[in-house]
Amino acid sequence: ITTGGSTNYADSVKGRFTISRDNAK
C-alpha cells in the first residue's frame, strides 16, 4: 500500500486479501 492508499496484490491473493493503513496509529 502506497502513502496515498493505493494497493496492489499478488495474483494468488487477489479478491481474498485486503491491505489498509491507519497513519494515525
mmCIF file of all heavy atoms, coordinates in Angstrom:
data_MODEL
# 
_entry.id   MODEL 
# 
loop_
_atom_site.group_PDB 
_atom_site.id 
_atom_site.type_symbol 
_atom_site.label_atom_id 
_atom_site.label_alt_id 
_atom_site.label_comp_id 
_atom_site.label_asym_id 
_atom_site.label_entity_id 
_atom_site.label_seq_id 
_atom_site.pdbx_PDB_ins_code 
_atom_site.Cartn_x 
_atom_site.Cartn_y 
_atom_site.Cartn_z 
_atom_site.occupancy 
_atom_site.B_iso_or_equiv 
_atom_site.pdbx_formal_charge 
_atom_site.auth_seq_id 
_atom_site.auth_comp_id 
_atom_site.auth_asym_id 
_atom_site.auth_atom_id 
_atom_site.pdbx_PDB_model_num 
ATOM 1   N N   . ILE A 1 1  ? 0.858   -1.175  0.000   1.00 0.00 ? 1  ILE A N   1 
ATOM 2   C CA  . ILE A 1 1  ? 0.000   0.000   0.000   1.00 0.00 ? 1  ILE A CA  1 
ATOM 3   C C   . ILE A 1 1  ? 0.899   1.232   0.000   1.00 0.00 ? 1  ILE A C   1 
ATOM 4   O O   . ILE A 1 1  ? 1.843   1.329   0.791   1.00 0.00 ? 1  ILE A O   1 
ATOM 5   C CB  . ILE A 1 1  ? -0.972  -0.025  1.200   1.00 0.00 ? 1  ILE A CB  1 
ATOM 6   C CG1 . ILE A 1 1  ? -1.930  1.163   1.143   1.00 0.00 ? 1  ILE A CG1 1 
ATOM 7   C CG2 . ILE A 1 1  ? -0.232  -0.081  2.542   1.00 0.00 ? 1  ILE A CG2 1 
ATOM 8   C CD1 . ILE A 1 1  ? -3.128  1.024   2.078   1.00 0.00 ? 1  ILE A CD1 1 
ATOM 9   N N   . THR A 1 2  ? 0.585   2.159   -0.897  1.00 0.00 ? 2  THR A N   1 
ATOM 10  C CA  . THR A 1 2  ? 1.399   3.365   -1.017  1.00 0.00 ? 2  THR A CA  1 
ATOM 11  C C   . THR A 1 2  ? 1.019   4.383   0.045   1.00 0.00 ? 2  THR A C   1 
ATOM 12  O O   . THR A 1 2  ? 0.062   4.198   0.809   1.00 0.00 ? 2  THR A O   1 
ATOM 13  C CB  . THR A 1 2  ? 1.220   4.004   -2.394  1.00 0.00 ? 2  THR A CB  1 
ATOM 14  O OG1 . THR A 1 2  ? -0.123  4.509   -2.489  1.00 0.00 ? 2  THR A OG1 1 
ATOM 15  C CG2 . THR A 1 2  ? 1.463   3.004   -3.512  1.00 0.00 ? 2  THR A CG2 1 
ATOM 16  N N   . THR A 1 3  ? 1.764   5.479   0.062   1.00 0.00 ? 3  THR A N   1 
ATOM 17  C CA  . THR A 1 3  ? 1.447   6.538   1.009   1.00 0.00 ? 3  THR A CA  1 
ATOM 18  C C   . THR A 1 3  ? 0.076   7.134   0.731   1.00 0.00 ? 3  THR A C   1 
ATOM 19  O O   . THR A 1 3  ? -0.594  7.612   1.646   1.00 0.00 ? 3  THR A O   1 
ATOM 20  C CB  . THR A 1 3  ? 2.505   7.640   0.947   1.00 0.00 ? 3  THR A CB  1 
ATOM 21  O OG1 . THR A 1 3  ? 2.595   8.137   -0.399  1.00 0.00 ? 3  THR A OG1 1 
ATOM 22  C CG2 . THR A 1 3  ? 3.890   7.100   1.363   1.00 0.00 ? 3  THR A CG2 1 
ATOM 23  N N   . GLY A 1 4  ? -0.365  7.064   -0.504  1.00 0.00 ? 4  GLY A N   1 
ATOM 24  C CA  . GLY A 1 4  ? -1.675  7.599   -0.865  1.00 0.00 ? 4  GLY A CA  1 
ATOM 25  C C   . GLY A 1 4  ? -2.810  6.602   -0.727  1.00 0.00 ? 4  GLY A C   1 
ATOM 26  O O   . GLY A 1 4  ? -3.967  6.941   -0.975  1.00 0.00 ? 4  GLY A O   1 
ATOM 27  N N   . GLY A 1 5  ? -2.477  5.378   -0.351  1.00 0.00 ? 5  GLY A N   1 
ATOM 28  C CA  . GLY A 1 5  ? -3.513  4.379   -0.120  1.00 0.00 ? 5  GLY A CA  1 
ATOM 29  C C   . GLY A 1 5  ? -3.776  3.446   -1.280  1.00 0.00 ? 5  GLY A C   1 
ATOM 30  O O   . GLY A 1 5  ? -4.680  2.604   -1.206  1.00 0.00 ? 5  GLY A O   1 
ATOM 31  N N   . SER A 1 6  ? -3.014  3.570   -2.367  1.00 0.00 ? 6  SER A N   1 
ATOM 32  C CA  . SER A 1 6  ? -3.179  2.640   -3.492  1.00 0.00 ? 6  SER A CA  1 
ATOM 33  C C   . SER A 1 6  ? -2.583  1.287   -3.123  1.00 0.00 ? 6  SER A C   1 
ATOM 34  O O   . SER A 1 6  ? -1.536  1.215   -2.475  1.00 0.00 ? 6  SER A O   1 
ATOM 35  C CB  . SER A 1 6  ? -2.483  3.182   -4.736  1.00 0.00 ? 6  SER A CB  1 
ATOM 36  O OG  . SER A 1 6  ? -3.074  4.394   -5.145  1.00 0.00 ? 6  SER A OG  1 
ATOM 37  N N   . THR A 1 7  ? -3.260  0.240   -3.564  1.00 0.00 ? 7  THR A N   1 
ATOM 38  C CA  . THR A 1 7  ? -2.825  -1.103  -3.213  1.00 0.00 ? 7  THR A CA  1 
ATOM 39  C C   . THR A 1 7  ? -2.556  -1.950  -4.453  1.00 0.00 ? 7  THR A C   1 
ATOM 40  O O   . THR A 1 7  ? -3.094  -1.681  -5.539  1.00 0.00 ? 7  THR A O   1 
ATOM 41  C CB  . THR A 1 7  ? -3.883  -1.824  -2.362  1.00 0.00 ? 7  THR A CB  1 
ATOM 42  O OG1 . THR A 1 7  ? -5.132  -1.803  -3.056  1.00 0.00 ? 7  THR A OG1 1 
ATOM 43  C CG2 . THR A 1 7  ? -4.056  -1.150  -1.005  1.00 0.00 ? 7  THR A CG2 1 
ATOM 44  N N   . ASN A 1 8  ? -1.729  -2.934  -4.277  1.00 0.00 ? 8  ASN A N   1 
ATOM 45  C CA  . ASN A 1 8  ? -1.553  -3.958  -5.303  1.00 0.00 ? 8  ASN A CA  1 
ATOM 46  C C   . ASN A 1 8  ? -1.341  -5.277  -4.596  1.00 0.00 ? 8  ASN A C   1 
ATOM 47  O O   . ASN A 1 8  ? -0.899  -5.309  -3.440  1.00 0.00 ? 8  ASN A O   1 
ATOM 48  C CB  . ASN A 1 8  ? -0.387  -3.636  -6.244  1.00 0.00 ? 8  ASN A CB  1 
ATOM 49  C CG  . ASN A 1 8  ? 0.958   -3.857  -5.598  1.00 0.00 ? 8  ASN A CG  1 
ATOM 50  O OD1 . ASN A 1 8  ? 1.404   -3.048  -4.798  1.00 0.00 ? 8  ASN A OD1 1 
ATOM 51  N ND2 . ASN A 1 8  ? 1.610   -4.957  -5.921  1.00 0.00 ? 8  ASN A ND2 1 
ATOM 52  N N   . TYR A 1 9  ? -1.705  -6.360  -5.276  1.00 0.00 ? 9  TYR A N   1 
ATOM 53  C CA  . TYR A 1 9  ? -1.694  -7.682  -4.671  1.00 0.00 ? 9  TYR A CA  1 
ATOM 54  C C   . TYR A 1 9  ? -1.106  -8.728  -5.616  1.00 0.00 ? 9  TYR A C   1 
ATOM 55  O O   . TYR A 1 9  ? -1.205  -8.616  -6.830  1.00 0.00 ? 9  TYR A O   1 
ATOM 56  C CB  . TYR A 1 9  ? -3.128  -8.109  -4.307  1.00 0.00 ? 9  TYR A CB  1 
ATOM 57  C CG  . TYR A 1 9  ? -3.820  -7.174  -3.360  1.00 0.00 ? 9  TYR A CG  1 
ATOM 58  C CD1 . TYR A 1 9  ? -4.643  -6.155  -3.828  1.00 0.00 ? 9  TYR A CD1 1 
ATOM 59  C CD2 . TYR A 1 9  ? -3.645  -7.294  -1.986  1.00 0.00 ? 9  TYR A CD2 1 
ATOM 60  C CE1 . TYR A 1 9  ? -5.270  -5.277  -2.958  1.00 0.00 ? 9  TYR A CE1 1 
ATOM 61  C CE2 . TYR A 1 9  ? -4.272  -6.428  -1.106  1.00 0.00 ? 9  TYR A CE2 1 
ATOM 62  C CZ  . TYR A 1 9  ? -5.080  -5.423  -1.598  1.00 0.00 ? 9  TYR A CZ  1 
ATOM 63  O OH  . TYR A 1 9  ? -5.700  -4.562  -0.729  1.00 0.00 ? 9  TYR A OH  1 
ATOM 64  N N   . ALA A 1 10 ? -0.549  -9.747  -5.012  1.00 0.00 ? 10 ALA A N   1 
ATOM 65  C CA  . ALA A 1 10 ? -0.148  -10.911 -5.790  1.00 0.00 ? 10 ALA A CA  1 
ATOM 66  C C   . ALA A 1 10 ? -1.399  -11.584 -6.343  1.00 0.00 ? 10 ALA A C   1 
ATOM 67  O O   . ALA A 1 10 ? -2.464  -11.554 -5.710  1.00 0.00 ? 10 ALA A O   1 
ATOM 68  C CB  . ALA A 1 10 ? 0.616   -11.890 -4.906  1.00 0.00 ? 10 ALA A CB  1 
ATOM 69  N N   . ASP A 1 11 ? -1.281  -12.182 -7.514  1.00 0.00 ? 11 ASP A N   1 
ATOM 70  C CA  . ASP A 1 11 ? -2.445  -12.824 -8.134  1.00 0.00 ? 11 ASP A CA  1 
ATOM 71  C C   . ASP A 1 11 ? -3.050  -13.890 -7.229  1.00 0.00 ? 11 ASP A C   1 
ATOM 72  O O   . ASP A 1 11 ? -4.266  -14.092 -7.223  1.00 0.00 ? 11 ASP A O   1 
ATOM 73  C CB  . ASP A 1 11 ? -2.037  -13.460 -9.468  1.00 0.00 ? 11 ASP A CB  1 
ATOM 74  C CG  . ASP A 1 11 ? -1.778  -12.422 -10.546 1.00 0.00 ? 11 ASP A CG  1 
ATOM 75  O OD1 . ASP A 1 11 ? -2.199  -11.253 -10.379 1.00 0.00 ? 11 ASP A OD1 1 
ATOM 76  O OD2 . ASP A 1 11 ? -1.145  -12.763 -11.566 1.00 0.00 ? 11 ASP A OD2 1 
ATOM 77  N N   . SER A 1 12 ? -2.212  -14.552 -6.457  1.00 0.00 ? 12 SER A N   1 
ATOM 78  C CA  . SER A 1 12 ? -2.684  -15.658 -5.627  1.00 0.00 ? 12 SER A CA  1 
ATOM 79  C C   . SER A 1 12 ? -3.605  -15.216 -4.486  1.00 0.00 ? 12 SER A C   1 
ATOM 80  O O   . SER A 1 12 ? -4.315  -16.053 -3.914  1.00 0.00 ? 12 SER A O   1 
ATOM 81  C CB  . SER A 1 12 ? -1.493  -16.418 -5.044  1.00 0.00 ? 12 SER A CB  1 
ATOM 82  O OG  . SER A 1 12 ? -0.685  -15.551 -4.265  1.00 0.00 ? 12 SER A OG  1 
ATOM 83  N N   . VAL A 1 13 ? -3.588  -13.937 -4.169  1.00 0.00 ? 13 VAL A N   1 
ATOM 84  C CA  . VAL A 1 13 ? -4.419  -13.454 -3.044  1.00 0.00 ? 13 VAL A CA  1 
ATOM 85  C C   . VAL A 1 13 ? -5.462  -12.425 -3.463  1.00 0.00 ? 13 VAL A C   1 
ATOM 86  O O   . VAL A 1 13 ? -6.272  -12.004 -2.636  1.00 0.00 ? 13 VAL A O   1 
ATOM 87  C CB  . VAL A 1 13 ? -3.545  -12.875 -1.911  1.00 0.00 ? 13 VAL A CB  1 
ATOM 88  C CG1 . VAL A 1 13 ? -2.488  -13.877 -1.473  1.00 0.00 ? 13 VAL A CG1 1 
ATOM 89  C CG2 . VAL A 1 13 ? -2.919  -11.551 -2.297  1.00 0.00 ? 13 VAL A CG2 1 
ATOM 90  N N   . LYS A 1 14 ? -5.453  -12.026 -4.724  1.00 0.00 ? 14 LYS A N   1 
ATOM 91  C CA  . LYS A 1 14 ? -6.419  -11.028 -5.182  1.00 0.00 ? 14 LYS A CA  1 
ATOM 92  C C   . LYS A 1 14 ? -7.834  -11.481 -4.932  1.00 0.00 ? 14 LYS A C   1 
ATOM 93  O O   . LYS A 1 14 ? -8.194  -12.625 -5.194  1.00 0.00 ? 14 LYS A O   1 
ATOM 94  C CB  . LYS A 1 14 ? -6.226  -10.752 -6.682  1.00 0.00 ? 14 LYS A CB  1 
ATOM 95  C CG  . LYS A 1 14 ? -5.129  -9.761  -6.995  1.00 0.00 ? 14 LYS A CG  1 
ATOM 96  C CD  . LYS A 1 14 ? -5.011  -9.538  -8.503  1.00 0.00 ? 14 LYS A CD  1 
ATOM 97  C CE  . LYS A 1 14 ? -3.850  -8.602  -8.814  1.00 0.00 ? 14 LYS A CE  1 
ATOM 98  N NZ  . LYS A 1 14 ? -3.645  -8.461  -10.273 1.00 0.00 ? 14 LYS A NZ  1 
ATOM 99  N N   . GLY A 1 15 ? -8.636  -10.578 -4.410  1.00 0.00 ? 15 GLY A N   1 
ATOM 100 C CA  . GLY A 1 15 ? -10.022 -10.884 -4.127  1.00 0.00 ? 15 GLY A CA  1 
ATOM 101 C C   . GLY A 1 15 ? -10.247 -11.538 -2.772  1.00 0.00 ? 15 GLY A C   1 
ATOM 102 O O   . GLY A 1 15 ? -11.389 -11.647 -2.313  1.00 0.00 ? 15 GLY A O   1 
ATOM 103 N N   . ARG A 1 16 ? -9.147  -11.950 -2.122  1.00 0.00 ? 16 ARG A N   1 
ATOM 104 C CA  . ARG A 1 16 ? -9.276  -12.578 -0.803  1.00 0.00 ? 16 ARG A CA  1 
ATOM 105 C C   . ARG A 1 16 ? -8.609  -11.756 0.295   1.00 0.00 ? 16 ARG A C   1 
ATOM 106 O O   . ARG A 1 16 ? -9.076  -11.761 1.442   1.00 0.00 ? 16 ARG A O   1 
ATOM 107 C CB  . ARG A 1 16 ? -8.644  -13.977 -0.826  1.00 0.00 ? 16 ARG A CB  1 
ATOM 108 C CG  . ARG A 1 16 ? -9.262  -14.937 -1.813  1.00 0.00 ? 16 ARG A CG  1 
ATOM 109 C CD  . ARG A 1 16 ? -8.705  -16.343 -1.643  1.00 0.00 ? 16 ARG A CD  1 
ATOM 110 N NE  . ARG A 1 16 ? -7.259  -16.434 -1.876  1.00 0.00 ? 16 ARG A NE  1 
ATOM 111 C CZ  . ARG A 1 16 ? -6.387  -16.887 -0.980  1.00 0.00 ? 16 ARG A CZ  1 
ATOM 112 N NH1 . ARG A 1 16 ? -6.796  -17.283 0.216   1.00 0.00 ? 16 ARG A NH1 1 
ATOM 113 N NH2 . ARG A 1 16 ? -5.091  -16.936 -1.287  1.00 0.00 ? 16 ARG A NH2 1 
ATOM 114 N N   . PHE A 1 17 ? -7.533  -11.064 -0.044  1.00 0.00 ? 17 PHE A N   1 
ATOM 115 C CA  . PHE A 1 17 ? -6.770  -10.294 0.939   1.00 0.00 ? 17 PHE A CA  1 
ATOM 116 C C   . PHE A 1 17 ? -6.952  -8.794  0.676   1.00 0.00 ? 17 PHE A C   1 
ATOM 117 O O   . PHE A 1 17 ? -7.050  -8.366  -0.472  1.00 0.00 ? 17 PHE A O   1 
ATOM 118 C CB  . PHE A 1 17 ? -5.283  -10.615 0.866   1.00 0.00 ? 17 PHE A CB  1 
ATOM 119 C CG  . PHE A 1 17 ? -4.887  -11.990 1.344   1.00 0.00 ? 17 PHE A CG  1 
ATOM 120 C CD1 . PHE A 1 17 ? -5.825  -12.975 1.606   1.00 0.00 ? 17 PHE A CD1 1 
ATOM 121 C CD2 . PHE A 1 17 ? -3.544  -12.293 1.527   1.00 0.00 ? 17 PHE A CD2 1 
ATOM 122 C CE1 . PHE A 1 17 ? -5.449  -14.236 2.044   1.00 0.00 ? 17 PHE A CE1 1 
ATOM 123 C CE2 . PHE A 1 17 ? -3.139  -13.542 1.959   1.00 0.00 ? 17 PHE A CE2 1 
ATOM 124 C CZ  . PHE A 1 17 ? -4.107  -14.522 2.218   1.00 0.00 ? 17 PHE A CZ  1 
ATOM 125 N N   . THR A 1 18 ? -6.950  -8.024  1.755   1.00 0.00 ? 18 THR A N   1 
ATOM 126 C CA  . THR A 1 18 ? -7.063  -6.565  1.652   1.00 0.00 ? 18 THR A CA  1 
ATOM 127 C C   . THR A 1 18 ? -6.060  -5.917  2.593   1.00 0.00 ? 18 THR A C   1 
ATOM 128 O O   . THR A 1 18 ? -5.984  -6.268  3.775   1.00 0.00 ? 18 THR A O   1 
ATOM 129 C CB  . THR A 1 18 ? -8.474  -6.096  2.020   1.00 0.00 ? 18 THR A CB  1 
ATOM 130 O OG1 . THR A 1 18 ? -9.425  -6.734  1.172   1.00 0.00 ? 18 THR A OG1 1 
ATOM 131 C CG2 . THR A 1 18 ? -8.592  -4.587  1.860   1.00 0.00 ? 18 THR A CG2 1 
ATOM 132 N N   . ILE A 1 19 ? -5.306  -4.980  2.044   1.00 0.00 ? 19 ILE A N   1 
ATOM 133 C CA  . ILE A 1 19 ? -4.343  -4.222  2.846   1.00 0.00 ? 19 ILE A CA  1 
ATOM 134 C C   . ILE A 1 19 ? -4.906  -2.830  3.089   1.00 0.00 ? 19 ILE A C   1 
ATOM 135 O O   . ILE A 1 19 ? -5.449  -2.195  2.180   1.00 0.00 ? 19 ILE A O   1 
ATOM 136 C CB  . ILE A 1 19 ? -2.988  -4.112  2.126   1.00 0.00 ? 19 ILE A CB  1 
ATOM 137 C CG1 . ILE A 1 19 ? -2.368  -5.494  1.940   1.00 0.00 ? 19 ILE A CG1 1 
ATOM 138 C CG2 . ILE A 1 19 ? -2.032  -3.215  2.904   1.00 0.00 ? 19 ILE A CG2 1 
ATOM 139 C CD1 . ILE A 1 19 ? -1.100  -5.486  1.110   1.00 0.00 ? 19 ILE A CD1 1 
ATOM 140 N N   . SER A 1 20 ? -4.757  -2.359  4.318   1.00 0.00 ? 20 SER A N   1 
ATOM 141 C CA  . SER A 1 20 ? -5.160  -0.994  4.661   1.00 0.00 ? 20 SER A CA  1 
ATOM 142 C C   . SER A 1 20 ? -4.139  -0.426  5.644   1.00 0.00 ? 20 SER A C   1 
ATOM 143 O O   . SER A 1 20 ? -3.331  -1.162  6.204   1.00 0.00 ? 20 SER A O   1 
ATOM 144 C CB  . SER A 1 20 ? -6.567  -0.974  5.264   1.00 0.00 ? 20 SER A CB  1 
ATOM 145 O OG  . SER A 1 20 ? -6.613  -1.757  6.447   1.00 0.00 ? 20 SER A OG  1 
ATOM 146 N N   . ARG A 1 21 ? -4.195  0.873   5.816   1.00 0.00 ? 21 ARG A N   1 
ATOM 147 C CA  . ARG A 1 21 ? -3.278  1.504   6.754   1.00 0.00 ? 21 ARG A CA  1 
ATOM 148 C C   . ARG A 1 21 ? -3.989  2.596   7.535   1.00 0.00 ? 21 ARG A C   1 
ATOM 149 O O   . ARG A 1 21 ? -4.928  3.222   7.014   1.00 0.00 ? 21 ARG A O   1 
ATOM 150 C CB  . ARG A 1 21 ? -2.055  2.081   6.037   1.00 0.00 ? 21 ARG A CB  1 
ATOM 151 C CG  . ARG A 1 21 ? -2.339  3.227   5.084   1.00 0.00 ? 21 ARG A CG  1 
ATOM 152 C CD  . ARG A 1 21 ? -1.109  3.573   4.235   1.00 0.00 ? 21 ARG A CD  1 
ATOM 153 N NE  . ARG A 1 21 ? 0.019   4.035   5.028   1.00 0.00 ? 21 ARG A NE  1 
ATOM 154 C CZ  . ARG A 1 21 ? 1.264   4.064   4.582   1.00 0.00 ? 21 ARG A CZ  1 
ATOM 155 N NH1 . ARG A 1 21 ? 1.550   3.643   3.352   1.00 0.00 ? 21 ARG A NH1 1 
ATOM 156 N NH2 . ARG A 1 21 ? 2.242   4.532   5.360   1.00 0.00 ? 21 ARG A NH2 1 
ATOM 157 N N   . ASP A 1 22 ? -3.524  2.814   8.753   1.00 0.00 ? 22 ASP A N   1 
ATOM 158 C CA  . ASP A 1 22 ? -4.034  3.876   9.610   1.00 0.00 ? 22 ASP A CA  1 
ATOM 159 C C   . ASP A 1 22 ? -2.819  4.690   10.041  1.00 0.00 ? 22 ASP A C   1 
ATOM 160 O O   . ASP A 1 22 ? -2.095  4.290   10.961  1.00 0.00 ? 22 ASP A O   1 
ATOM 161 C CB  . ASP A 1 22 ? -4.768  3.287   10.810  1.00 0.00 ? 22 ASP A CB  1 
ATOM 162 C CG  . ASP A 1 22 ? -5.429  4.345   11.670  1.00 0.00 ? 22 ASP A CG  1 
ATOM 163 O OD1 . ASP A 1 22 ? -5.014  5.524   11.614  1.00 0.00 ? 22 ASP A OD1 1 
ATOM 164 O OD2 . ASP A 1 22 ? -6.355  4.004   12.415  1.00 0.00 ? 22 ASP A OD2 1 
ATOM 165 N N   . ASN A 1 23 ? -2.603  5.801   9.368   1.00 0.00 ? 23 ASN A N   1 
ATOM 166 C CA  . ASN A 1 23 ? -1.408  6.597   9.653   1.00 0.00 ? 23 ASN A CA  1 
ATOM 167 C C   . ASN A 1 23 ? -1.440  7.203   11.056  1.00 0.00 ? 23 ASN A C   1 
ATOM 168 O O   . ASN A 1 23 ? -0.401  7.437   11.660  1.00 0.00 ? 23 ASN A O   1 
ATOM 169 C CB  . ASN A 1 23 ? -1.243  7.701   8.613   1.00 0.00 ? 23 ASN A CB  1 
ATOM 170 C CG  . ASN A 1 23 ? -0.840  7.156   7.249   1.00 0.00 ? 23 ASN A CG  1 
ATOM 171 O OD1 . ASN A 1 23 ? -0.301  6.044   7.127   1.00 0.00 ? 23 ASN A OD1 1 
ATOM 172 N ND2 . ASN A 1 23 ? -1.106  7.928   6.203   1.00 0.00 ? 23 ASN A ND2 1 
ATOM 173 N N   . ALA A 1 24 ? -2.628  7.434   11.583  1.00 0.00 ? 24 ALA A N   1 
ATOM 174 C CA  . ALA A 1 24 ? -2.738  7.982   12.936  1.00 0.00 ? 24 ALA A CA  1 
ATOM 175 C C   . ALA A 1 24 ? -2.257  6.981   13.982  1.00 0.00 ? 24 ALA A C   1 
ATOM 176 O O   . ALA A 1 24 ? -1.799  7.358   15.054  1.00 0.00 ? 24 ALA A O   1 
ATOM 177 C CB  . ALA A 1 24 ? -4.172  8.395   13.227  1.00 0.00 ? 24 ALA A CB  1 
ATOM 178 N N   . LYS A 1 25 ? -2.376  5.694   13.642  1.00 0.00 ? 25 LYS A N   1 
ATOM 179 C CA  . LYS A 1 25 ? -1.958  4.640   14.572  1.00 0.00 ? 25 LYS A CA  1 
ATOM 180 C C   . LYS A 1 25 ? -0.636  3.996   14.165  1.00 0.00 ? 25 LYS A C   1 
ATOM 181 O O   . LYS A 1 25 ? -0.190  3.039   14.801  1.00 0.00 ? 25 LYS A O   1 
ATOM 182 C CB  . LYS A 1 25 ? -3.045  3.557   14.663  1.00 0.00 ? 25 LYS A CB  1 
ATOM 183 C CG  . LYS A 1 25 ? -4.348  4.046   15.256  1.00 0.00 ? 25 LYS A CG  1 
ATOM 184 C CD  . LYS A 1 25 ? -5.356  2.906   15.382  1.00 0.00 ? 25 LYS A CD  1 
ATOM 185 C CE  . LYS A 1 25 ? -6.639  3.399   16.037  1.00 0.00 ? 25 LYS A CE  1 
ATOM 186 N NZ  . LYS A 1 25 ? -7.644  2.316   16.153  1.00 0.00 ? 25 LYS A NZ  1 
# 
